[in-house]
Protein backbone atom coordinates (compact mmCIF):
# COMPACT_ATOMS: atom_id res chain seq x y z
CA MET A 1 0.00 0.00 0.00
CA GLN A 2 1.12 3.54 -0.71
CA VAL A 3 -0.10 6.70 1.04
CA GLN A 4 0.70 10.39 0.65
CA VAL A 5 0.40 12.83 3.55
CA PRO A 6 0.52 16.64 3.31
CA ALA A 7 2.83 18.96 5.17
CA THR A 8 1.03 21.00 7.79
CA SER A 9 1.40 24.32 9.55
CA ALA A 10 0.11 24.65 13.10
CA ASN A 11 -0.87 27.68 15.22
CA LEU A 12 -1.17 30.02 12.20
CA GLY A 13 -0.18 32.82 14.54
CA PRO A 14 -2.60 33.03 17.48
CA GLY A 15 -4.22 29.56 17.29
CA PHE A 16 -1.67 27.83 19.54
CA ASP A 17 -2.11 24.03 19.62
CA SER A 18 -5.52 24.34 17.97
CA LEU A 19 -5.39 25.64 14.38
CA GLY A 20 -3.81 23.65 11.57
CA LEU A 21 -3.48 23.98 7.81
CA ALA A 22 -2.62 21.32 5.21
CA LEU A 23 -0.11 22.40 2.57
CA GLY A 24 0.52 21.23 -0.98
CA MET A 25 3.76 19.39 -0.17
CA HIS A 26 3.54 15.64 0.43
CA ASP A 27 5.61 12.79 1.83
CA ARG A 28 4.92 9.32 0.42
CA TYR A 29 5.16 6.05 2.31
CA ILE A 30 4.95 2.56 0.79
CA ALA A 31 4.61 -0.50 3.02
CA GLN A 32 4.28 -4.25 2.62
CA ILE A 33 3.67 -7.01 5.17
CA LEU A 34 6.47 -9.60 5.31
CA ASP A 35 6.41 -13.26 6.43
CA GLU A 36 9.88 -12.87 7.95
CA LYS A 37 10.35 -11.25 11.36
CA ILE A 38 12.29 -8.23 10.08
CA ILE A 39 11.91 -4.48 9.66
CA ASP A 40 13.19 -3.43 6.23
CA ILE A 41 13.33 0.36 5.81
CA ASP A 42 14.66 2.57 3.04
CA VAL A 43 14.40 6.37 3.12
CA THR A 44 15.10 8.86 0.35
CA GLY A 45 14.90 12.64 0.46
CA GLU A 46 14.59 14.69 3.65
CA GLY A 47 16.01 13.01 6.73
CA ALA A 48 17.51 10.15 4.74
CA ASP A 49 20.75 10.33 6.73
CA SER A 50 19.17 10.58 10.18
CA VAL A 51 15.87 8.65 10.18
CA PRO A 52 16.07 5.37 12.18
CA ARG A 53 15.95 2.12 10.23
CA ASN A 54 14.41 0.06 13.05
CA ASP A 55 11.39 -0.04 15.38
CA LYS A 56 12.21 3.51 16.52
CA ASN A 57 11.27 4.83 13.09
CA LEU A 58 8.19 7.01 13.64
CA VAL A 59 6.28 5.56 10.67
CA ILE A 60 6.93 2.03 11.93
CA LYS A 61 5.98 2.97 15.53
CA SER A 62 2.74 4.44 14.21
CA MET A 63 2.03 1.36 12.10
CA HIS A 64 2.48 -0.84 15.18
CA LYS A 65 0.07 1.38 17.13
CA GLY A 66 -2.44 1.13 14.31
CA PHE A 67 -2.08 -2.66 14.09
CA GLU A 68 -2.53 -2.92 17.86
CA PHE A 69 -5.77 -0.93 17.64
CA LEU A 70 -6.95 -3.22 14.84
CA GLY A 71 -6.21 -6.36 16.82
CA GLY A 72 -2.83 -7.82 15.85
CA GLN A 73 0.75 -7.36 14.64
CA PRO A 74 2.43 -8.60 11.45
CA ARG A 75 5.64 -10.61 11.59
CA GLY A 76 7.57 -8.11 9.48
CA ILE A 77 7.23 -4.85 7.59
CA ALA A 78 8.97 -3.40 4.53
CA LEU A 79 8.77 0.39 4.39
CA ARG A 80 9.90 2.86 1.74
CA ALA A 81 9.70 6.57 2.59
CA LEU A 82 10.00 9.31 -0.01
CA ASN A 83 10.32 12.46 2.12
CA VAL A 84 9.85 15.99 0.84
CA ILE A 85 8.79 17.79 4.04
CA PRO A 86 11.81 19.40 5.79
CA HIS A 87 12.54 17.96 9.23
CA GLY A 88 12.60 20.14 12.33
CA ARG A 89 11.32 23.22 10.47
CA GLY A 90 7.75 23.50 11.76
CA LEU A 91 6.05 21.96 8.72
CA GLY A 92 4.64 18.85 10.34
CA SER A 93 7.15 16.17 9.32
CA SER A 94 6.43 14.14 12.48
CA ALA A 95 2.67 14.49 11.98
CA SER A 96 3.10 13.26 8.41
CA ALA A 97 5.03 10.20 9.60
CA ILE A 98 2.46 9.41 12.30
CA VAL A 99 -0.58 9.82 10.07
CA GLY A 100 1.22 7.98 7.27
CA GLY A 101 1.96 5.00 9.52
CA LEU A 102 -1.60 4.81 10.87
CA SER A 103 -3.03 5.14 7.35
CA LEU A 104 -0.82 2.29 6.11
CA ALA A 105 -1.84 0.04 9.00
CA ARG A 106 -5.50 0.73 8.30
CA ALA A 107 -5.07 0.02 4.59
CA LEU A 108 -3.11 -3.21 5.13
CA VAL A 109 -5.66 -4.81 7.47
CA LEU A 110 -8.75 -6.42 5.99
CA GLY A 111 -11.71 -4.22 6.92
CA GLY A 112 -9.39 -1.61 8.38
CA ASN A 113 -11.38 1.32 6.97
CA GLU A 114 -14.50 0.16 8.79
CA ARG A 115 -12.67 -0.62 12.05
CA MET A 116 -10.55 2.57 12.27
CA SER A 117 -12.41 5.80 11.51
CA ASN A 118 -10.65 9.10 10.93
CA ASP A 119 -11.76 10.11 14.43
CA ASP A 120 -10.07 6.98 15.80
CA MET A 121 -6.97 7.86 13.81
CA LEU A 122 -6.97 11.39 15.23
CA ASN A 123 -6.93 10.06 18.78
CA LEU A 124 -4.20 7.51 18.07
CA ALA A 125 -2.14 10.20 16.34
CA ASN A 126 -2.70 12.62 19.21
CA GLU A 127 -1.37 10.03 21.67
CA LEU A 128 1.82 9.77 19.60
CA GLU A 129 2.24 13.48 18.80
CA GLY A 130 1.05 14.95 22.11
CA HIS A 131 -1.16 17.63 20.54
CA PRO A 132 -3.79 17.37 17.80
CA ASP A 133 -3.27 20.46 15.61
CA ASN A 134 -0.86 19.13 12.97
CA VAL A 135 -2.22 15.59 12.87
CA ALA A 136 -5.81 16.83 12.44
CA ALA A 137 -4.83 18.86 9.36
CA ALA A 138 -2.80 15.92 8.00
CA ILE A 139 -5.80 13.60 8.33
CA TYR A 140 -8.63 15.85 7.15
CA GLY A 141 -6.91 18.42 4.91
CA GLY A 142 -7.81 22.09 4.53
CA ALA A 143 -7.84 24.11 7.74
CA THR A 144 -8.82 22.45 11.00
CA VAL A 145 -9.66 23.46 14.55
CA ALA A 146 -8.60 20.74 16.99
CA TRP A 147 -9.01 20.46 20.74
CA GLN A 148 -8.99 17.96 23.60
CA GLU A 149 -11.56 17.27 26.27
CA ILE A 150 -12.29 14.67 28.95
CA GLN A 151 -15.09 12.24 28.09
CA HIS A 152 -16.00 9.42 30.49
CA GLY A 153 -12.67 9.84 32.25
CA HIS A 154 -10.58 9.68 29.07
CA ASN A 155 -8.79 12.40 27.13
CA VAL A 156 -10.34 12.69 23.67
CA ALA A 157 -9.03 14.65 20.67
CA LEU A 158 -11.64 16.28 18.44
CA SER A 159 -11.50 18.34 15.26
CA VAL A 160 -13.64 20.25 12.80
CA GLN A 161 -12.66 21.11 9.24
CA LEU A 162 -12.93 24.59 7.74
CA GLU A 163 -13.49 25.25 4.04
CA VAL A 164 -10.68 27.66 3.15
CA ASP A 165 -11.30 30.52 0.71
CA PRO A 166 -9.89 29.26 -2.64
CA ARG A 167 -8.08 32.56 -3.23
CA ILE A 168 -5.66 31.88 -0.37
CA GLY A 169 -2.23 30.44 -1.07
CA ALA A 170 0.88 30.03 1.08
CA ILE A 171 4.57 30.87 0.88
CA ALA A 172 7.06 29.05 3.08
CA PHE A 173 10.41 30.62 3.96
CA VAL A 174 12.52 27.71 5.17
CA PRO A 175 15.89 28.38 6.81
CA ALA A 176 18.78 25.91 6.86
CA THR A 177 18.68 25.55 10.65
CA SER A 178 16.15 23.53 12.63
CA VAL A 179 14.52 24.01 16.03
CA ALA A 180 13.33 21.13 18.20
CA THR A 181 9.68 21.45 19.22
CA SER A 182 10.58 20.40 22.78
CA LYS A 183 13.11 23.24 23.03
CA ALA A 184 10.65 25.78 21.63
CA ARG A 185 7.99 24.74 24.14
CA LYS A 186 10.35 25.17 27.08
CA MET A 187 10.78 28.84 26.13
CA LEU A 188 7.11 29.67 26.76
CA PRO A 189 6.16 31.50 29.97
CA GLU A 190 3.82 30.03 32.55
CA LEU A 191 1.74 33.23 32.64
CA ILE A 192 0.75 35.97 30.20
CA THR A 193 -1.11 39.21 30.82
CA HIS A 194 -4.88 39.38 30.65
CA ALA A 195 -4.61 42.01 27.89
CA ASP A 196 -2.51 39.68 25.72
CA ALA A 197 -4.94 36.81 26.34
CA VAL A 198 -7.86 38.98 25.21
CA LYS A 199 -6.09 40.10 22.03
CA ASN A 200 -5.00 36.56 21.23
CA SER A 201 -8.45 35.03 21.68
CA ALA A 202 -10.01 37.77 19.54
CA ASN A 203 -7.51 37.19 16.73
CA THR A 204 -8.00 33.42 16.85
CA ALA A 205 -11.74 33.85 16.43
CA LEU A 206 -11.19 36.36 13.63
CA LEU A 207 -8.75 34.01 11.89
CA VAL A 208 -11.36 31.26 11.65
CA HIS A 209 -13.60 33.73 9.80
CA ALA A 210 -10.79 35.20 7.67
CA LEU A 211 -9.66 31.78 6.42
CA GLN A 212 -13.14 30.99 5.18
CA PHE A 213 -14.57 34.29 3.98
CA ARG A 214 -12.33 37.35 4.44
CA PRO A 215 -8.71 36.97 3.30
CA ASP A 216 -8.36 40.76 3.59
CA LEU A 217 -8.42 40.28 7.38
CA LEU A 218 -5.58 37.73 7.48
CA HIS A 219 -2.88 40.24 8.42
CA THR A 220 -4.73 41.34 11.56
CA ALA A 221 -5.99 37.84 12.36
CA THR A 222 -2.54 36.18 12.26
CA GLU A 223 -0.97 38.51 14.85
CA ASP A 224 0.04 36.50 17.90
CA PHE A 225 0.49 37.57 21.53
CA LEU A 226 0.90 34.13 23.11
CA HIS A 227 4.04 32.33 21.96
CA GLN A 228 6.02 33.69 18.98
CA SER A 229 7.92 36.54 20.67
CA TYR A 230 9.01 34.26 23.53
CA ARG A 231 10.72 31.95 21.04
CA ALA A 232 12.59 34.68 19.17
CA ASP A 233 15.99 33.85 20.72
CA ALA A 234 15.83 30.33 19.27
CA MET A 235 15.27 31.65 15.72
CA PRO A 236 16.51 35.25 15.45
CA GLY A 237 16.72 35.22 11.63
CA SER A 238 13.18 33.92 11.27
CA PHE A 239 11.83 36.40 13.81
CA ALA A 240 13.55 39.29 12.03
CA LEU A 241 11.96 38.21 8.73
CA LEU A 242 8.60 37.82 10.46
CA GLN A 243 8.73 41.39 11.79
CA LYS A 244 9.89 42.75 8.42
CA LEU A 245 7.02 41.08 6.56
CA ARG A 246 4.36 42.06 9.09
CA LYS A 247 5.49 45.70 9.05
CA ALA A 248 4.93 45.58 5.28
CA GLY A 249 1.35 44.40 5.83
CA VAL A 250 2.00 40.74 5.00
CA ALA A 251 0.12 37.99 6.91
CA ALA A 252 3.23 36.20 8.17
CA PHE A 253 3.72 33.96 11.20
CA ILE A 254 6.05 31.30 12.55
CA SER A 255 4.93 27.91 11.28
CA GLY A 256 4.41 25.57 14.21
CA ALA A 257 7.39 25.62 16.53
CA GLY A 258 9.49 27.17 13.75
CA PRO A 259 11.79 28.22 12.36
CA THR A 260 9.94 28.33 9.02
CA VAL A 261 8.05 31.57 8.37
CA LEU A 262 4.75 31.03 6.58
CA VAL A 263 2.77 33.67 4.68
CA LEU A 264 -0.88 33.46 3.67
CA HIS A 265 -1.71 35.61 0.65
CA THR A 266 -4.02 36.08 -2.32
CA GLY A 267 -1.41 37.46 -4.72
CA GLY A 268 0.21 35.99 -7.79
CA ALA A 269 3.72 35.07 -8.93
CA THR A 270 4.89 38.69 -8.81
CA GLU A 271 4.14 38.94 -5.10
CA VAL A 272 5.93 35.65 -4.46
CA ASP A 273 9.03 36.94 -6.26
CA GLU A 274 8.95 40.21 -4.32
CA LEU A 275 8.69 38.43 -0.98
CA ALA A 276 11.46 36.00 -1.94
CA ARG A 277 13.75 38.95 -2.62
CA ALA A 278 12.78 40.49 0.72
CA ALA A 279 13.66 37.24 2.53
CA GLY A 280 17.14 37.09 1.03
CA ASP A 281 19.37 34.08 0.47
CA LYS A 282 19.18 32.66 4.01
CA PHE A 283 15.78 31.14 3.27
CA ILE A 284 14.50 28.75 0.64
CA THR A 285 11.24 30.22 -0.65
CA SER A 286 8.48 27.82 -1.71
CA ALA A 287 5.12 28.91 -3.09
CA LEU A 288 2.57 26.32 -1.96
CA SER A 289 -1.05 25.60 -2.64
CA LEU A 290 -3.26 24.50 0.22
CA SER A 291 -4.08 20.80 0.31
CA ARG A 292 -7.86 20.39 0.31
CA THR A 293 -7.52 16.72 1.26
CA GLY A 294 -5.53 14.98 3.95
CA ALA A 295 -3.78 11.62 3.88
CA SER A 296 -4.86 9.50 0.94
CA LEU A 297 -3.98 6.20 -0.68
CA VAL A 298 -2.05 6.38 -3.93
CA ALA A 299 -2.82 3.97 -6.74
CA GLY A 300 -0.07 1.93 -8.30
């Protein structure tokens, strides 16, 4: 079986750990069940030199979790990963691996689609990832709002999908350096001011509307008061670009835990070229469509 999973951007500025967006950049994973008790892994593309080739591989770990949910484990697995999503850049490479592994497990088990719903997959993925924003967007596509709540004594991840205005596209400014999500999270304060909380909640609500109906409000709606400024020391170049773009009226924000800077826009190729020049040569600029669908099986 072969599955493709989109890159994702989380937070989108103010929507910390709740808003996600699927991007038109996909990793592909191909898996086969083996009769021998071995794990056979080959990786090409991003992370090819650093991705584990054993049970610690995140796709394999996620496949095992999916098989466990579905009632059994295979003797062996052959996995081929064709990675495009940059690792450690805030574009959801771990979410892609997790959702890819769960999708493969579901596809490889007879009746898997009936026995593992997308909602089941979201909860399994959330257990592996620790937060549902990226994995929700990777599963459902488009823009998603994800949250967690306690139901019958258990933590449950939930998500709704938003229909994004078709005029909106994205530009990713990807630096050469990476930032670990765990490091970025440790930089956040325990407390913020009431005024910042009010502004952040207002912008999050506005962003949900802007993504669907009012792209002209994206610049205001993507301004964050909760997390980005506290992480500036871990990504000074990205934060400088972020400030430069926002001062120019561009709807820019740090993608996930960074250090990629993502822009949402409704312009054409000329605007992309202008922004690429503004970013300079320390960033790789990629114009991206939004992925309207999440993880999907690939024929052939």
